[in-house]
Amino acid sequence: AYVADYESGEIVPQEGEIEDARWFTRDELRNHAALGFSLPRAD
């Protein structure tokens, strides 16, 4: 795992490799259940 700063471009998931890819704000992640998605496992 790496962290980085976004510079430019659009997310384009590779078909058959990644089902879904999106950008989220901190508030959206904090309220993920209300938005209908779950976070990865705690471990």
Full PDB file with SEQRES, HELIX, SHEET, SSBOND, CRYST1, ORIGX, SCALE, CONECT and MASTER records, all heavy atoms in Angstrom:
SEQRES   1 A   43  ALA TYR VAL ALA ASP TYR GLU SER GLY GLU ILE VAL PRO          
SEQRES   2 A   43  GLN GLU GLY GLU ILE GLU ASP ALA ARG TRP PHE THR ARG          
SEQRES   3 A   43  ASP GLU LEU ARG ASN HIS ALA ALA LEU GLY PHE SER LEU          
SEQRES   4 A   43  PRO ARG ALA ASP                                              
HELIX    1 AA1 ARG A   26  ARG A   30  1                                   5    
CRYST1    1.000    1.000    1.000  90.00  90.00  90.00 P 1           1          
ORIGX1      1.000000  0.000000  0.000000        0.00000                         
ORIGX2      0.000000  1.000000  0.000000        0.00000                         
ORIGX3      0.000000  0.000000  1.000000        0.00000                         
SCALE1      1.000000  0.000000  0.000000        0.00000                         
SCALE2      0.000000  1.000000  0.000000        0.00000                         
SCALE3      0.000000  0.000000  1.000000        0.00000                         
ATOM      1  N   ALA A   1       0.832  -1.202   0.000  1.00  0.00           N  
ATOM      2  CA  ALA A   1       0.000   0.000   0.000  1.00  0.00           C  
ATOM      3  C   ALA A   1       0.863   1.247   0.000  1.00  0.00           C  
ATOM      4  O   ALA A   1       1.873   1.320   0.702  1.00  0.00           O  
ATOM      5  CB  ALA A   1      -0.906   0.004   1.226  1.00  0.00           C  
ATOM      6  N   TYR A   2       0.443   2.203  -0.784  1.00  0.00           N  
ATOM      7  CA  TYR A   2       1.102   3.498  -0.875  1.00  0.00           C  
ATOM      8  C   TYR A   2       0.052   4.586  -0.736  1.00  0.00           C  
ATOM      9  O   TYR A   2      -1.126   4.367  -1.006  1.00  0.00           O  
ATOM     10  CB  TYR A   2       1.789   3.664  -2.239  1.00  0.00           C  
ATOM     11  CG  TYR A   2       3.004   2.804  -2.412  1.00  0.00           C  
ATOM     12  CD1 TYR A   2       2.894   1.482  -2.810  1.00  0.00           C  
ATOM     13  CD2 TYR A   2       4.274   3.316  -2.164  1.00  0.00           C  
ATOM     14  CE1 TYR A   2       4.014   0.684  -2.967  1.00  0.00           C  
ATOM     15  CE2 TYR A   2       5.393   2.524  -2.326  1.00  0.00           C  
ATOM     16  CZ  TYR A   2       5.257   1.214  -2.729  1.00  0.00           C  
ATOM     17  OH  TYR A   2       6.368   0.433  -2.870  1.00  0.00           O  
ATOM     18  N   VAL A   3       0.480   5.758  -0.325  1.00  0.00           N  
ATOM     19  CA  VAL A   3      -0.367   6.940  -0.350  1.00  0.00           C  
ATOM     20  C   VAL A   3       0.280   7.934  -1.312  1.00  0.00           C  
ATOM     21  O   VAL A   3       1.493   7.907  -1.519  1.00  0.00           O  
ATOM     22  CB  VAL A   3      -0.549   7.576   1.053  1.00  0.00           C  
ATOM     23  CG1 VAL A   3      -1.327   6.642   1.962  1.00  0.00           C  
ATOM     24  CG2 VAL A   3       0.775   7.948   1.671  1.00  0.00           C  
ATOM     25  N   ALA A   4      -0.540   8.777  -1.896  1.00  0.00           N  
ATOM     26  CA  ALA A   4      -0.042   9.756  -2.857  1.00  0.00           C  
ATOM     27  C   ALA A   4      -1.021  10.913  -2.941  1.00  0.00           C  
ATOM     28  O   ALA A   4      -2.174  10.807  -2.505  1.00  0.00           O  
ATOM     29  CB  ALA A   4       0.127   9.111  -4.233  1.00  0.00           C  
ATOM     30  N   ASP A   5      -0.568  12.003  -3.502  1.00  0.00           N  
ATOM     31  CA  ASP A   5      -1.430  13.149  -3.760  1.00  0.00           C  
ATOM     32  C   ASP A   5      -1.937  13.067  -5.188  1.00  0.00           C  
ATOM     33  O   ASP A   5      -1.167  12.806  -6.116  1.00  0.00           O  
ATOM     34  CB  ASP A   5      -0.652  14.456  -3.574  1.00  0.00           C  
ATOM     35  CG  ASP A   5      -0.199  14.676  -2.153  1.00  0.00           C  
ATOM     36  OD1 ASP A   5      -0.919  14.260  -1.228  1.00  0.00           O  
ATOM     37  OD2 ASP A   5       0.883  15.252  -1.959  1.00  0.00           O  
ATOM     38  N   TYR A   6      -3.229  13.290  -5.356  1.00  0.00           N  
ATOM     39  CA  TYR A   6      -3.849  13.291  -6.680  1.00  0.00           C  
ATOM     40  C   TYR A   6      -3.326  14.477  -7.486  1.00  0.00           C  
ATOM     41  O   TYR A   6      -3.230  15.581  -6.977  1.00  0.00           O  
ATOM     42  CB  TYR A   6      -5.367  13.383  -6.528  1.00  0.00           C  
ATOM     43  CG  TYR A   6      -6.102  13.638  -7.813  1.00  0.00           C  
ATOM     44  CD1 TYR A   6      -6.389  12.600  -8.681  1.00  0.00           C  
ATOM     45  CD2 TYR A   6      -6.505  14.918  -8.157  1.00  0.00           C  
ATOM     46  CE1 TYR A   6      -7.064  12.824  -9.868  1.00  0.00           C  
ATOM     47  CE2 TYR A   6      -7.183  15.155  -9.345  1.00  0.00           C  
ATOM     48  CZ  TYR A   6      -7.462  14.106 -10.194  1.00  0.00           C  
ATOM     49  OH  TYR A   6      -8.135  14.339 -11.368  1.00  0.00           O  
ATOM     50  N   GLU A   7      -2.987  14.240  -8.733  1.00  0.00           N  
ATOM     51  CA  GLU A   7      -2.548  15.324  -9.620  1.00  0.00           C  
ATOM     52  C   GLU A   7      -3.575  15.583 -10.717  1.00  0.00           C  
ATOM     53  O   GLU A   7      -3.987  16.714 -10.913  1.00  0.00           O  
ATOM     54  CB  GLU A   7      -1.187  14.996 -10.234  1.00  0.00           C  
ATOM     55  CG  GLU A   7      -0.588  16.153 -10.993  1.00  0.00           C  
ATOM     56  CD  GLU A   7       0.848  15.902 -11.352  1.00  0.00           C  
ATOM     57  OE1 GLU A   7       1.686  15.837 -10.427  1.00  0.00           O  
ATOM     58  OE2 GLU A   7       1.128  15.768 -12.561  1.00  0.00           O  
ATOM     59  N   SER A   8      -3.992  14.532 -11.440  1.00  0.00           N  
ATOM     60  CA  SER A   8      -4.953  14.725 -12.522  1.00  0.00           C  
ATOM     61  C   SER A   8      -5.478  13.379 -13.009  1.00  0.00           C  
ATOM     62  O   SER A   8      -4.965  12.332 -12.630  1.00  0.00           O  
ATOM     63  CB  SER A   8      -4.298  15.468 -13.701  1.00  0.00           C  
ATOM     64  OG  SER A   8      -3.265  14.673 -14.265  1.00  0.00           O  
ATOM     65  N   GLY A   9      -6.467  13.437 -13.875  1.00  0.00           N  
ATOM     66  CA  GLY A   9      -6.974  12.243 -14.532  1.00  0.00           C  
ATOM     67  C   GLY A   9      -8.260  11.718 -13.937  1.00  0.00           C  
ATOM     68  O   GLY A   9      -8.721  12.164 -12.900  1.00  0.00           O  
ATOM     69  N   GLU A  10      -8.822  10.755 -14.641  1.00  0.00           N  
ATOM     70  CA  GLU A  10     -10.071  10.119 -14.250  1.00  0.00           C  
ATOM     71  C   GLU A  10      -9.822   8.646 -13.926  1.00  0.00           C  
ATOM     72  O   GLU A  10      -8.992   7.996 -14.552  1.00  0.00           O  
ATOM     73  CB  GLU A  10     -11.092  10.211 -15.382  1.00  0.00           C  
ATOM     74  CG  GLU A  10     -11.507  11.634 -15.718  1.00  0.00           C  
ATOM     75  CD  GLU A  10     -12.264  12.312 -14.585  1.00  0.00           C  
ATOM     76  OE1 GLU A  10     -13.069  11.635 -13.908  1.00  0.00           O  
ATOM     77  OE2 GLU A  10     -12.041  13.516 -14.380  1.00  0.00           O  
ATOM     78  N   ILE A  11     -10.570   8.125 -12.976  1.00  0.00           N  
ATOM     79  CA  ILE A  11     -10.495   6.705 -12.642  1.00  0.00           C  
ATOM     80  C   ILE A  11     -11.171   5.919 -13.773  1.00  0.00           C  
ATOM     81  O   ILE A  11     -12.316   6.209 -14.125  1.00  0.00           O  
ATOM     82  CB  ILE A  11     -11.215   6.391 -11.319  1.00  0.00           C  
ATOM     83  CG1 ILE A  11     -10.580   7.145 -10.161  1.00  0.00           C  
ATOM     84  CG2 ILE A  11     -11.212   4.900 -11.054  1.00  0.00           C  
ATOM     85  CD1 ILE A  11     -11.328   6.994  -8.861  1.00  0.00           C  
ATOM     86  N   VAL A  12     -10.455   4.956 -14.318  1.00  0.00           N  
ATOM     87  CA  VAL A  12     -11.012   4.078 -15.346  1.00  0.00           C  
ATOM     88  C   VAL A  12     -10.711   2.635 -14.919  1.00  0.00           C  
ATOM     89  O   VAL A  12      -9.606   2.146 -15.128  1.00  0.00           O  
ATOM     90  CB  VAL A  12     -10.401   4.371 -16.735  1.00  0.00           C  
ATOM     91  CG1 VAL A  12     -11.001   3.448 -17.778  1.00  0.00           C  
ATOM     92  CG2 VAL A  12     -10.596   5.828 -17.119  1.00  0.00           C  
ATOM     93  N   PRO A  13     -11.684   1.963 -14.282  1.00  0.00           N  
ATOM     94  CA  PRO A  13     -11.439   0.589 -13.829  1.00  0.00           C  
ATOM     95  C   PRO A  13     -11.147  -0.352 -14.996  1.00  0.00           C  
ATOM     96  O   PRO A  13     -11.759  -0.240 -16.058  1.00  0.00           O  
ATOM     97  CB  PRO A  13     -12.751   0.191 -13.153  1.00  0.00           C  
ATOM     98  CG  PRO A  13     -13.473   1.463 -12.895  1.00  0.00           C  
ATOM     99  CD  PRO A  13     -13.016   2.426 -13.937  1.00  0.00           C  
ATOM    100  N   GLN A  14     -10.211  -1.240 -14.793  1.00  0.00           N  
ATOM    101  CA  GLN A  14      -9.888  -2.247 -15.807  1.00  0.00           C  
ATOM    102  C   GLN A  14     -10.938  -3.348 -15.740  1.00  0.00           C  
ATOM    103  O   GLN A  14     -11.106  -3.998 -14.706  1.00  0.00           O  
ATOM    104  CB  GLN A  14      -8.501  -2.823 -15.563  1.00  0.00           C  
ATOM    105  CG  GLN A  14      -8.073  -3.817 -16.607  1.00  0.00           C  
ATOM    106  CD  GLN A  14      -6.662  -4.328 -16.358  1.00  0.00           C  
ATOM    107  OE1 GLN A  14      -5.898  -3.734 -15.607  1.00  0.00           O  
ATOM    108  NE2 GLN A  14      -6.335  -5.430 -16.980  1.00  0.00           N  
ATOM    109  N   GLU A  15     -11.652  -3.566 -16.839  1.00  0.00           N  
ATOM    110  CA  GLU A  15     -12.717  -4.570 -16.881  1.00  0.00           C  
ATOM    111  C   GLU A  15     -12.171  -5.948 -16.524  1.00  0.00           C  
ATOM    112  O   GLU A  15     -11.102  -6.344 -16.969  1.00  0.00           O  
ATOM    113  CB  GLU A  15     -13.349  -4.611 -18.267  1.00  0.00           C  
ATOM    114  CG  GLU A  15     -14.604  -5.446 -18.322  1.00  0.00           C  
ATOM    115  CD  GLU A  15     -15.303  -5.378 -19.655  1.00  0.00           C  
ATOM    116  OE1 GLU A  15     -15.254  -4.312 -20.297  1.00  0.00           O  
ATOM    117  OE2 GLU A  15     -15.899  -6.393 -20.039  1.00  0.00           O  
ATOM    118  N   GLY A  16     -12.897  -6.642 -15.681  1.00  0.00           N  
ATOM    119  CA  GLY A  16     -12.490  -7.972 -15.246  1.00  0.00           C  
ATOM    120  C   GLY A  16     -11.499  -7.966 -14.102  1.00  0.00           C  
ATOM    121  O   GLY A  16     -11.201  -8.999 -13.521  1.00  0.00           O  
ATOM    122  N   GLU A  17     -10.990  -6.804 -13.746  1.00  0.00           N  
ATOM    123  CA  GLU A  17     -10.003  -6.689 -12.669  1.00  0.00           C  
ATOM    124  C   GLU A  17     -10.585  -5.938 -11.471  1.00  0.00           C  
ATOM    125  O   GLU A  17     -10.414  -6.349 -10.339  1.00  0.00           O  
ATOM    126  CB  GLU A  17      -8.754  -5.966 -13.184  1.00  0.00           C  
ATOM    127  CG  GLU A  17      -7.654  -5.808 -12.169  1.00  0.00           C  
ATOM    128  CD  GLU A  17      -6.968  -7.118 -11.804  1.00  0.00           C  
ATOM    129  OE1 GLU A  17      -7.007  -8.064 -12.607  1.00  0.00           O  
ATOM    130  OE2 GLU A  17      -6.402  -7.192 -10.707  1.00  0.00           O  
ATOM    131  N   ILE A  18     -11.249  -4.824 -11.738  1.00  0.00           N  
ATOM    132  CA  ILE A  18     -11.819  -3.983 -10.685  1.00  0.00           C  
ATOM    133  C   ILE A  18     -13.283  -3.733 -11.006  1.00  0.00           C  
ATOM    134  O   ILE A  18     -13.622  -3.255 -12.094  1.00  0.00           O  
ATOM    135  CB  ILE A  18     -11.061  -2.639 -10.563  1.00  0.00           C  
ATOM    136  CG1 ILE A  18      -9.608  -2.899 -10.169  1.00  0.00           C  
ATOM    137  CG2 ILE A  18     -11.746  -1.716  -9.567  1.00  0.00           C  
ATOM    138  CD1 ILE A  18      -8.744  -1.674 -10.111  1.00  0.00           C  
ATOM    139  N   GLU A  19     -14.149  -4.068 -10.062  1.00  0.00           N  
ATOM    140  CA  GLU A  19     -15.585  -3.940 -10.281  1.00  0.00           C  
ATOM    141  C   GLU A  19     -16.058  -2.493 -10.216  1.00  0.00           C  
ATOM    142  O   GLU A  19     -16.920  -2.059 -10.976  1.00  0.00           O  
ATOM    143  CB  GLU A  19     -16.323  -4.770  -9.230  1.00  0.00           C  
ATOM    144  CG  GLU A  19     -17.809  -4.790  -9.407  1.00  0.00           C  
ATOM    145  CD  GLU A  19     -18.478  -5.700  -8.398  1.00  0.00           C  
ATOM    146  OE1 GLU A  19     -17.980  -6.806  -8.153  1.00  0.00           O  
ATOM    147  OE2 GLU A  19     -19.511  -5.278  -7.847  1.00  0.00           O  
ATOM    148  N   ASP A  20     -15.508  -1.713  -9.281  1.00  0.00           N  
ATOM    149  CA  ASP A  20     -15.986  -0.356  -9.067  1.00  0.00           C  
ATOM    150  C   ASP A  20     -14.841   0.490  -8.507  1.00  0.00           C  
ATOM    151  O   ASP A  20     -14.044  -0.005  -7.710  1.00  0.00           O  
ATOM    152  CB  ASP A  20     -17.153  -0.370  -8.084  1.00  0.00           C  
ATOM    153  CG  ASP A  20     -17.830   0.973  -7.924  1.00  0.00           C  
ATOM    154  OD1 ASP A  20     -17.659   1.854  -8.789  1.00  0.00           O  
ATOM    155  OD2 ASP A  20     -18.539   1.159  -6.921  1.00  0.00           O  
ATOM    156  N   ALA A  21     -14.762   1.730  -8.921  1.00  0.00           N  
ATOM    157  CA  ALA A  21     -13.744   2.651  -8.399  1.00  0.00           C  
ATOM    158  C   ALA A  21     -14.343   4.050  -8.389  1.00  0.00           C  
ATOM    159  O   ALA A  21     -14.918   4.495  -9.395  1.00  0.00           O  
ATOM    160  CB  ALA A  21     -12.492   2.606  -9.257  1.00  0.00           C  
ATOM    161  N   ARG A  22     -14.242   4.716  -7.243  1.00  0.00           N  
ATOM    162  CA  ARG A  22     -14.805   6.059  -7.090  1.00  0.00           C  
ATOM    163  C   ARG A  22     -13.952   6.877  -6.131  1.00  0.00           C  
ATOM    164  O   ARG A  22     -13.191   6.327  -5.358  1.00  0.00           O  
ATOM    165  CB  ARG A  22     -16.212   5.986  -6.498  1.00  0.00           C  
ATOM    166  CG  ARG A  22     -17.202   5.230  -7.335  1.00  0.00           C  
ATOM    167  CD  ARG A  22     -18.551   5.224  -6.661  1.00  0.00           C  
ATOM    168  NE  ARG A  22     -18.710   3.972  -5.918  1.00  0.00           N  
ATOM    169  CZ  ARG A  22     -19.673   3.753  -5.046  1.00  0.00           C  
ATOM    170  NH1 ARG A  22     -20.531   4.686  -4.746  1.00  0.00           N  
ATOM    171  NH2 ARG A  22     -19.751   2.597  -4.440  1.00  0.00           N  
ATOM    172  N   TRP A  23     -14.128   8.184  -6.160  1.00  0.00           N  
ATOM    173  CA  TRP A  23     -13.533   9.080  -5.181  1.00  0.00           C  
ATOM    174  C   TRP A  23     -14.543   9.312  -4.073  1.00  0.00           C  
ATOM    175  O   TRP A  23     -15.745   9.390  -4.319  1.00  0.00           O  
ATOM    176  CB  TRP A  23     -13.191  10.437  -5.807  1.00  0.00           C  
ATOM    177  CG  TRP A  23     -12.187  10.390  -6.903  1.00  0.00           C  
ATOM    178  CD1 TRP A  23     -12.408  10.665  -8.219  1.00  0.00           C  
ATOM    179  CD2 TRP A  23     -10.792  10.068  -6.797  1.00  0.00           C  
ATOM    180  NE1 TRP A  23     -11.249  10.530  -8.931  1.00  0.00           N  
ATOM    181  CE2 TRP A  23     -10.233  10.167  -8.093  1.00  0.00           C  
ATOM    182  CE3 TRP A  23      -9.968   9.697  -5.751  1.00  0.00           C  
ATOM    183  CZ2 TRP A  23      -8.894   9.915  -8.345  1.00  0.00           C  
ATOM    184  CZ3 TRP A  23      -8.630   9.447  -6.014  1.00  0.00           C  
ATOM    185  CH2 TRP A  23      -8.105   9.566  -7.294  1.00  0.00           C  
ATOM    186  N   PHE A  24     -14.074   9.441  -2.832  1.00  0.00           N  
ATOM    187  CA  PHE A  24     -14.943   9.722  -1.694  1.00  0.00           C  
ATOM    188  C   PHE A  24     -14.361  10.850  -0.864  1.00  0.00           C  
ATOM    189  O   PHE A  24     -13.142  10.965  -0.717  1.00  0.00           O  
ATOM    190  CB  PHE A  24     -15.078   8.489  -0.789  1.00  0.00           C  
ATOM    191  CG  PHE A  24     -15.776   7.336  -1.432  1.00  0.00           C  
ATOM    192  CD1 PHE A  24     -15.052   6.294  -1.964  1.00  0.00           C  
ATOM    193  CD2 PHE A  24     -17.156   7.297  -1.500  1.00  0.00           C  
ATOM    194  CE1 PHE A  24     -15.678   5.218  -2.558  1.00  0.00           C  
ATOM    195  CE2 PHE A  24     -17.806   6.232  -2.098  1.00  0.00           C  
ATOM    196  CZ  PHE A  24     -17.067   5.187  -2.630  1.00  0.00           C  
ATOM    197  N   THR A  25     -15.235  11.645  -0.283  1.00  0.00           N  
ATOM    198  CA  THR A  25     -14.815  12.639   0.693  1.00  0.00           C  
ATOM    199  C   THR A  25     -14.712  11.950   2.059  1.00  0.00           C  
ATOM    200  O   THR A  25     -15.224  10.842   2.247  1.00  0.00           O  
ATOM    201  CB  THR A  25     -15.835  13.788   0.803  1.00  0.00           C  
ATOM    202  OG1 THR A  25     -17.061  13.265   1.326  1.00  0.00           O  
ATOM    203  CG2 THR A  25     -16.074  14.454  -0.556  1.00  0.00           C  
ATOM    204  N   ARG A  26     -14.107  12.622   3.015  1.00  0.00           N  
ATOM    205  CA  ARG A  26     -14.045  12.068   4.363  1.00  0.00           C  
ATOM    206  C   ARG A  26     -15.448  11.880   4.938  1.00  0.00           C  
ATOM    207  O   ARG A  26     -15.736  10.874   5.560  1.00  0.00           O  
ATOM    208  CB  ARG A  26     -13.190  12.962   5.264  1.00  0.00           C  
ATOM    209  CG  ARG A  26     -11.709  12.800   5.031  1.00  0.00           C  
ATOM    210  CD  ARG A  26     -10.896  13.704   5.968  1.00  0.00           C  
ATOM    211  NE  ARG A  26      -9.489  13.430   5.857  1.00  0.00           N  
ATOM    212  CZ  ARG A  26      -8.668  14.012   4.987  1.00  0.00           C  
ATOM    213  NH1 ARG A  26      -9.154  14.919   4.142  1.00  0.00           N  
ATOM    214  NH2 ARG A  26      -7.387  13.704   4.956  1.00  0.00           N  
ATOM    215  N   ASP A  27     -16.315  12.877   4.735  1.00  0.00           N  
ATOM    216  CA  ASP A  27     -17.682  12.766   5.256  1.00  0.00           C  
ATOM    217  C   ASP A  27     -18.425  11.582   4.646  1.00  0.00           C  
ATOM    218  O   ASP A  27     -19.171  10.899   5.335  1.00  0.00           O  
ATOM    219  CB  ASP A  27     -18.463  14.058   5.007  1.00  0.00           C  
ATOM    220  CG  ASP A  27     -18.067  15.172   5.950  1.00  0.00           C  
ATOM    221  OD1 ASP A  27     -17.488  14.870   7.029  1.00  0.00           O  
ATOM    222  OD2 ASP A  27     -18.320  16.341   5.631  1.00  0.00           O  
ATOM    223  N   GLU A  28     -18.239  11.327   3.357  1.00  0.00           N  
ATOM    224  CA  GLU A  28     -18.895  10.185   2.722  1.00  0.00           C  
ATOM    225  C   GLU A  28     -18.412   8.870   3.332  1.00  0.00           C  
ATOM    226  O   GLU A  28     -19.207   7.963   3.576  1.00  0.00           O  
ATOM    227  CB  GLU A  28     -18.649  10.193   1.219  1.00  0.00           C  
ATOM    228  CG  GLU A  28     -19.412  11.287   0.497  1.00  0.00           C  
ATOM    229  CD  GLU A  28     -19.005  11.446  -0.938  1.00  0.00           C  
ATOM    230  OE1 GLU A  28     -17.823  11.169  -1.275  1.00  0.00           O  
ATOM    231  OE2 GLU A  28     -19.846  11.874  -1.742  1.00  0.00           O  
ATOM    232  N   LEU A  29     -17.114   8.766   3.600  1.00  0.00           N  
ATOM    233  CA  LEU A  29     -16.600   7.537   4.206  1.00  0.00           C  
ATOM    234  C   LEU A  29     -17.079   7.379   5.636  1.00  0.00           C  
ATOM    235  O   LEU A  29     -17.370   6.271   6.078  1.00  0.00           O  
ATOM    236  CB  LEU A  29     -15.079   7.496   4.143  1.00  0.00           C  
ATOM    237  CG  LEU A  29     -14.499   7.239   2.755  1.00  0.00           C  
ATOM    238  CD1 LEU A  29     -12.982   7.256   2.804  1.00  0.00           C  
ATOM    239  CD2 LEU A  29     -14.982   5.918   2.194  1.00  0.00           C  
ATOM    240  N   ARG A  30     -17.154   8.477   6.356  1.00  0.00           N  
ATOM    241  CA  ARG A  30     -17.657   8.398   7.733  1.00  0.00           C  
ATOM    242  C   ARG A  30     -19.126   7.976   7.770  1.00  0.00           C  
ATOM    243  O   ARG A  30     -19.582   7.385   8.743  1.00  0.00           O  
ATOM    244  CB  ARG A  30     -17.473   9.741   8.432  1.00  0.00           C  
ATOM    245  CG  ARG A  30     -16.039  10.046   8.780  1.00  0.00           C  
ATOM    246  CD  ARG A  30     -15.903  11.363   9.544  1.00  0.00           C  
ATOM    247  NE  ARG A  30     -14.509  11.662   9.778  1.00  0.00           N  
ATOM    248  CZ  ARG A  30     -13.844  12.674   9.204  1.00  0.00           C  
ATOM    249  NH1 ARG A  30     -14.471  13.504   8.375  1.00  0.00           N  
ATOM    250  NH2 ARG A  30     -12.567  12.865   9.466  1.00  0.00           N  
ATOM    251  N   ASN A  31     -19.878   8.298   6.730  1.00  0.00           N  
ATOM    252  CA  ASN A  31     -21.304   7.981   6.655  1.00  0.00           C  
ATOM    253  C   ASN A  31     -21.582   6.904   5.609  1.00  0.00           C  
ATOM    254  O   ASN A  31     -22.637   6.894   4.979  1.00  0.00           O  
ATOM    255  CB  ASN A  31     -22.097   9.249   6.326  1.00  0.00           C  
ATOM    256  CG  ASN A  31     -21.937  10.298   7.402  1.00  0.00           C  
ATOM    257  OD1 ASN A  31     -22.165  10.027   8.572  1.00  0.00           O  
ATOM    258  ND2 ASN A  31     -21.516  11.479   7.020  1.00  0.00           N  
ATOM    259  N   HIS A  32     -20.651   6.000   5.431  1.00  0.00           N  
ATOM    260  CA  HIS A  32     -20.744   4.998   4.371  1.00  0.00           C  
ATOM    261  C   HIS A  32     -22.011   4.153   4.439  1.00  0.00           C  
ATOM    262  O   HIS A  32     -22.617   3.850   3.417  1.00  0.00           O  
ATOM    263  CB  HIS A  32     -19.502   4.104   4.364  1.00  0.00           C  
ATOM    264  CG  HIS A  32     -19.305   3.353   5.635  1.00  0.00           C  
ATOM    265  ND1 HIS A  32     -19.865   2.129   5.863  1.00  0.00           N  
ATOM    266  CD2 HIS A  32     -18.636   3.695   6.763  1.00  0.00           C  
ATOM    267  CE1 HIS A  32     -19.527   1.721   7.069  1.00  0.00           C  
ATOM    268  NE2 HIS A  32     -18.790   2.645   7.643  1.00  0.00           N  
ATOM    269  N   ALA A  33     -22.433   3.770   5.629  1.00  0.00           N  
ATOM    270  CA  ALA A  33     -23.620   2.911   5.749  1.00  0.00           C  
ATOM    271  C   ALA A  33     -24.866   3.626   5.227  1.00  0.00           C  
ATOM    272  O   ALA A  33     -25.692   3.024   4.533  1.00  0.00           O  
ATOM    273  CB  ALA A  33     -23.811   2.472   7.187  1.00  0.00           C  
ATOM    274  N   ALA A  34     -24.991   4.905   5.538  1.00  0.00           N  
ATOM    275  CA  ALA A  34     -26.140   5.678   5.064  1.00  0.00           C  
ATOM    276  C   ALA A  34     -26.121   5.821   3.543  1.00  0.00           C  
ATOM    277  O   ALA A  34     -27.168   5.992   2.926  1.00  0.00           O  
ATOM    278  CB  ALA A  34     -26.154   7.055   5.720  1.00  0.00           C  
ATOM    279  N   LEU A  35     -24.950   5.732   2.950  1.00  0.00           N  
ATOM    280  CA  LEU A  35     -24.827   5.851   1.497  1.00  0.00           C  
ATOM    281  C   LEU A  35     -24.885   4.497   0.801  1.00  0.00           C  
ATOM    282  O   LEU A  35     -24.757   4.410  -0.417  1.00  0.00           O  
ATOM    283  CB  LEU A  35     -23.525   6.576   1.143  1.00  0.00           C  
ATOM    284  CG  LEU A  35     -23.457   8.028   1.613  1.00  0.00           C  
ATOM    285  CD1 LEU A  35     -22.072   8.607   1.371  1.00  0.00           C  
ATOM    286  CD2 LEU A  35     -24.519   8.868   0.916  1.00  0.00           C  
ATOM    287  N   GLY A  36     -25.041   3.433   1.585  1.00  0.00           N  
ATOM    288  CA  GLY A  36     -25.272   2.121   1.007  1.00  0.00           C  
ATOM    289  C   GLY A  36     -24.052   1.304   0.652  1.00  0.00           C  
ATOM    290  O   GLY A  36     -24.143   0.390  -0.158  1.00  0.00           O  
ATOM    291  N   PHE A  37     -22.917   1.587   1.261  1.00  0.00           N  
ATOM    292  CA  PHE A  37     -21.748   0.738   1.031  1.00  0.00           C  
ATOM    293  C   PHE A  37     -21.021   0.499   2.349  1.00  0.00           C  
ATOM    294  O   PHE A  37     -21.221   1.214   3.318  1.00  0.00           O  
ATOM    295  CB  PHE A  37     -20.807   1.319  -0.035  1.00  0.00           C  
ATOM    296  CG  PHE A  37     -20.136   2.613   0.338  1.00  0.00           C  
ATOM    297  CD1 PHE A  37     -18.887   2.614   0.935  1.00  0.00           C  
ATOM    298  CD2 PHE A  37     -20.739   3.830   0.077  1.00  0.00           C  
ATOM    299  CE1 PHE A  37     -18.251   3.799   1.275  1.00  0.00           C  
ATOM    300  CE2 PHE A  37     -20.120   5.023   0.406  1.00  0.00           C  
ATOM    301  CZ  PHE A  37     -18.873   5.005   1.001  1.00  0.00           C  
ATOM    302  N   SER A  38     -20.206  -0.536   2.369  1.00  0.00           N  
ATOM    303  CA  SER A  38     -19.457  -0.854   3.582  1.00  0.00           C  
ATOM    304  C   SER A  38     -17.968  -0.652   3.344  1.00  0.00           C  
ATOM    305  O   SER A  38     -17.504  -0.643   2.204  1.00  0.00           O  
ATOM    306  CB  SER A  38     -19.729  -2.294   4.018  1.00  0.00           C  
ATOM    307  OG  SER A  38     -19.364  -3.187   2.996  1.00  0.00           O  
ATOM    308  N   LEU A  39     -17.249  -0.494   4.433  1.00  0.00           N  
ATOM    309  CA  LEU A  39     -15.795  -0.354   4.369  1.00  0.00           C  
ATOM    310  C   LEU A  39     -15.157  -1.739   4.377  1.00  0.00           C  
ATOM    311  O   LEU A  39     -15.781  -2.717   4.794  1.00  0.00           O  
ATOM    312  CB  LEU A  39     -15.300   0.457   5.564  1.00  0.00           C  
ATOM    313  CG  LEU A  39     -15.773   1.908   5.636  1.00  0.00           C  
ATOM    314  CD1 LEU A  39     -15.204   2.589   6.879  1.00  0.00           C  
ATOM    315  CD2 LEU A  39     -15.402   2.678   4.382  1.00  0.00           C  
ATOM    316  N   PRO A  40     -13.898  -1.827   3.956  1.00  0.00           N  
ATOM    317  CA  PRO A  40     -13.201  -3.118   4.017  1.00  0.00           C  
ATOM    318  C   PRO A  40     -13.109  -3.625   5.455  1.00  0.00           C  
ATOM    319  O   PRO A  40     -13.274  -2.865   6.417  1.00  0.00           O  
ATOM    320  CB  PRO A  40     -11.807  -2.787   3.473  1.00  0.00           C  
ATOM    321  CG  PRO A  40     -11.970  -1.527   2.698  1.00  0.00           C  
ATOM    322  CD  PRO A  40     -13.071  -0.777   3.367  1.00  0.00           C  
ATOM    323  N   ARG A  41     -12.814  -4.907   5.603  1.00  0.00           N  
ATOM    324  CA  ARG A  41     -12.669  -5.511   6.931  1.00  0.00           C  
ATOM    325  C   ARG A  41     -11.668  -4.732   7.780  1.00  0.00           C  
ATOM    326  O   ARG A  41     -10.683  -4.199   7.270  1.00  0.00           O  
ATOM    327  CB  ARG A  41     -12.183  -6.941   6.800  1.00  0.00           C  
ATOM    328  CG  ARG A  41     -13.140  -7.879   6.165  1.00  0.00           C  
ATOM    329  CD  ARG A  41     -12.597  -9.249   5.941  1.00  0.00           C  
ATOM    330  NE  ARG A  41     -11.419  -9.582   6.745  1.00  0.00           N  
ATOM    331  CZ  ARG A  41     -10.875 -10.782   6.792  1.00  0.00           C  
ATOM    332  NH1 ARG A  41     -11.395 -11.759   6.077  1.00  0.00           N  
ATOM    333  NH2 ARG A  41      -9.821 -11.025   7.523  1.00  0.00           N  
ATOM    334  N   ALA A  42     -11.898  -4.715   9.069  1.00  0.00           N  
ATOM    335  CA  ALA A  42     -11.058  -3.955   9.996  1.00  0.00           C  
ATOM    336  C   ALA A  42      -9.611  -4.433  10.023  1.00  0.00           C  
ATOM    337  O   ALA A  42      -8.713  -3.656  10.343  1.00  0.00           O  
ATOM    338  CB  ALA A  42     -11.647  -4.007  11.400  1.00  0.00           C  
ATOM    339  N   ASP A  43      -9.362  -5.691   9.686  1.00  0.00           N  
ATOM    340  CA  ASP A  43      -7.988  -6.207   9.725  1.00  0.00           C  
ATOM    341  C   ASP A  43      -7.277  -6.119   8.371  1.00  0.00           C  
ATOM    342  O   ASP A  43      -6.210  -6.687   8.197  1.00  0.00           O  
ATOM    343  CB  ASP A  43      -7.984  -7.657  10.222  1.00  0.00           C  
ATOM    344  CG  ASP A  43      -8.735  -8.604   9.307  1.00  0.00           C  
ATOM    345  OD1 ASP A  43      -9.485  -8.130   8.420  1.00  0.00           O  
ATOM    346  OD2 ASP A  43      -8.590  -9.823   9.475  1.00  0.00           O  
TER     347      ASP A  43                                                      
MASTER        0    0    0    1    0    0    0    6  346    1    0    4          
END                                                                             
